[in-house]
Amino acid sequence: QVQLVESGGGLVQVGGSLRLSCAASGRTISMYVMAWFRQAPGKERQFVGSITRSRDSTLYTDSVKGRFAISRDNAKNTVYLQMNDLKPEDTAVYYCAADRNYCSGSGCSRRTEYDYWGQGTQVTVSS
């Protein structure tokens, strides 16, 4: 069993930056594909990005490409989401997720792929 706890959310102005962290406990996440999803009020949970076990491949939804970056520190059992040039449409609750099985390409963007989820952290971008 893996427990995931997100942190780093908050209120930021348009064009600002935030770095979210996802701290894992219970098991090492080095063998897990890790991802970030987000959910805005009244909308379905949406894939943001993912990173493979070896950190050699990342995948992002089109709306965040070039602005967001996922990284992982397996030694610290932590995954990060660096968010730059934030826009009002980025406002959502952001969730960290872990996949204990293998996925590749667009397969890693499916919500059903992931086995463990954090409780989420709120990100609000004000204009």
Protein backbone atom coordinates (compact mmCIF):
# COMPACT_ATOMS: atom_id res chain seq x y z
CA GLN A 1 0.00 0.00 0.00
CA VAL A 2 1.23 3.47 -0.88
CA GLN A 3 0.07 6.66 0.80
CA LEU A 4 0.42 9.89 -1.14
CA VAL A 5 0.27 13.39 0.33
CA GLU A 6 0.27 16.47 -1.86
CA SER A 7 1.44 19.89 -0.73
CA GLY A 8 2.43 23.24 -2.19
CA GLY A 9 -0.90 24.46 -3.47
CA GLY A 10 -2.20 27.95 -2.86
CA LEU A 11 -3.33 31.20 -4.38
CA VAL A 12 -1.19 32.73 -7.11
CA GLN A 13 -1.64 35.48 -9.65
CA VAL A 14 -1.78 34.95 -13.39
CA GLY A 15 1.72 34.35 -14.74
CA GLY A 16 3.01 33.14 -11.40
CA SER A 17 4.57 29.83 -10.44
CA LEU A 18 4.00 27.07 -7.92
CA ARG A 19 5.73 23.80 -7.19
CA LEU A 20 3.62 20.96 -5.93
CA SER A 21 5.10 18.06 -4.04
CA CYS A 22 3.78 14.55 -3.59
CA ALA A 23 5.37 12.68 -0.71
CA ALA A 24 4.91 8.92 -0.68
CA SER A 25 5.07 6.55 2.25
CA GLY A 26 4.44 2.88 2.80
CA ARG A 27 6.49 1.73 -0.16
CA THR A 28 9.18 3.12 -2.37
CA ILE A 29 7.78 4.67 -5.52
CA SER A 30 10.84 3.94 -7.62
CA MET A 31 8.96 1.14 -9.40
CA TYR A 32 5.78 3.15 -9.96
CA VAL A 33 4.75 5.37 -12.81
CA MET A 34 3.71 8.64 -11.18
CA ALA A 35 1.23 11.19 -12.47
CA TRP A 36 -0.61 14.38 -11.69
CA PHE A 37 -4.29 14.92 -12.39
CA ARG A 38 -6.50 17.90 -11.69
CA GLN A 39 -10.18 18.51 -11.16
CA ALA A 40 -11.93 21.84 -11.54
CA PRO A 41 -15.36 22.45 -9.99
CA GLY A 42 -18.08 20.71 -11.95
CA LYS A 43 -15.62 18.95 -14.23
CA GLU A 44 -14.14 15.49 -14.49
CA ARG A 45 -10.69 14.70 -13.22
CA GLN A 46 -8.21 15.47 -15.99
CA PHE A 47 -4.74 14.11 -16.74
CA VAL A 48 -1.96 16.69 -16.37
CA GLY A 49 1.22 14.69 -16.81
CA SER A 50 3.13 11.55 -15.92
CA ILE A 51 6.69 10.37 -15.47
CA THR A 52 8.12 6.90 -15.93
CA ARG A 53 9.96 4.92 -13.27
CA SER A 54 13.37 5.74 -14.68
CA ARG A 55 12.54 9.42 -15.28
CA ASP A 56 13.45 9.11 -18.93
CA SER A 57 10.01 9.84 -20.28
CA THR A 58 7.33 12.35 -19.45
CA LEU A 59 3.91 12.91 -20.93
CA TYR A 60 1.78 16.04 -20.67
CA THR A 61 -1.64 17.13 -21.70
CA ASP A 62 -1.46 19.73 -24.46
CA SER A 63 -2.72 22.62 -22.34
CA VAL A 64 0.27 22.49 -19.99
CA LYS A 65 3.10 21.63 -22.38
CA GLY A 66 5.95 24.07 -22.08
CA ARG A 67 4.61 25.44 -18.77
CA PHE A 68 4.53 22.45 -16.42
CA ALA A 69 7.26 19.96 -15.63
CA ILE A 70 7.16 16.74 -13.65
CA SER A 71 10.19 15.40 -11.86
CA ARG A 72 10.84 12.74 -9.29
CA ASP A 73 13.38 12.11 -6.57
CA ASN A 74 13.24 8.42 -5.84
CA ALA A 75 15.68 8.79 -2.96
CA LYS A 76 13.22 11.15 -1.26
CA ASN A 77 10.20 9.14 -2.41
CA THR A 78 8.75 12.37 -3.78
CA VAL A 79 7.34 13.60 -7.06
CA TYR A 80 7.10 17.24 -8.06
CA LEU A 81 5.02 19.33 -10.41
CA GLN A 82 6.61 22.64 -11.34
CA MET A 83 3.95 24.97 -12.73
CA ASN A 84 4.96 28.17 -14.50
CA ASP A 85 3.04 30.87 -16.32
CA LEU A 86 -0.12 29.89 -14.52
CA LYS A 87 -3.48 30.77 -16.03
CA PRO A 88 -6.98 31.02 -14.50
CA GLU A 89 -7.94 27.80 -16.27
CA ASP A 90 -5.28 25.98 -14.24
CA THR A 91 -7.40 26.52 -11.13
CA ALA A 92 -8.28 23.09 -9.75
CA VAL A 93 -7.56 20.55 -7.08
CA TYR A 94 -4.39 18.74 -8.07
CA TYR A 95 -3.98 15.05 -7.30
CA CYS A 96 -0.94 12.83 -7.29
CA ALA A 97 -1.34 9.24 -8.45
CA ALA A 98 0.78 6.08 -8.59
CA ASP A 99 0.58 3.19 -11.05
CA ARG A 100 2.11 -0.08 -9.89
CA ASN A 101 1.87 -1.59 -13.36
CA TYR A 102 3.58 -0.71 -16.58
CA CYS A 103 2.09 1.89 -18.90
CA SER A 104 3.45 3.70 -21.90
CA GLY A 105 2.49 6.62 -24.04
CA SER A 106 -1.11 7.69 -23.92
CA GLY A 107 -1.90 4.69 -21.74
CA CYS A 108 -0.39 6.59 -18.86
CA SER A 109 -3.01 9.31 -19.22
CA ARG A 110 -5.95 7.11 -18.28
CA ARG A 111 -7.33 7.76 -14.83
CA THR A 112 -8.18 4.07 -14.45
CA GLU A 113 -4.50 3.16 -14.88
CA TYR A 114 -3.64 4.42 -11.41
CA ASP A 115 -3.93 2.46 -8.22
CA TYR A 116 -3.17 4.99 -5.50
CA TRP A 117 -4.28 8.59 -5.07
CA GLY A 118 -3.56 11.45 -2.74
CA GLN A 119 -6.18 13.72 -1.19
CA GLY A 120 -5.35 16.66 -3.41
CA THR A 121 -4.12 20.21 -3.00
CA GLN A 122 -5.98 23.31 -4.16
CA VAL A 123 -4.42 25.62 -6.73
CA THR A 124 -6.18 28.90 -7.41
CA VAL A 125 -4.98 31.31 -10.09
CA SER A 126 -6.40 34.81 -9.81
CA SER A 127 -6.59 37.27 -12.67
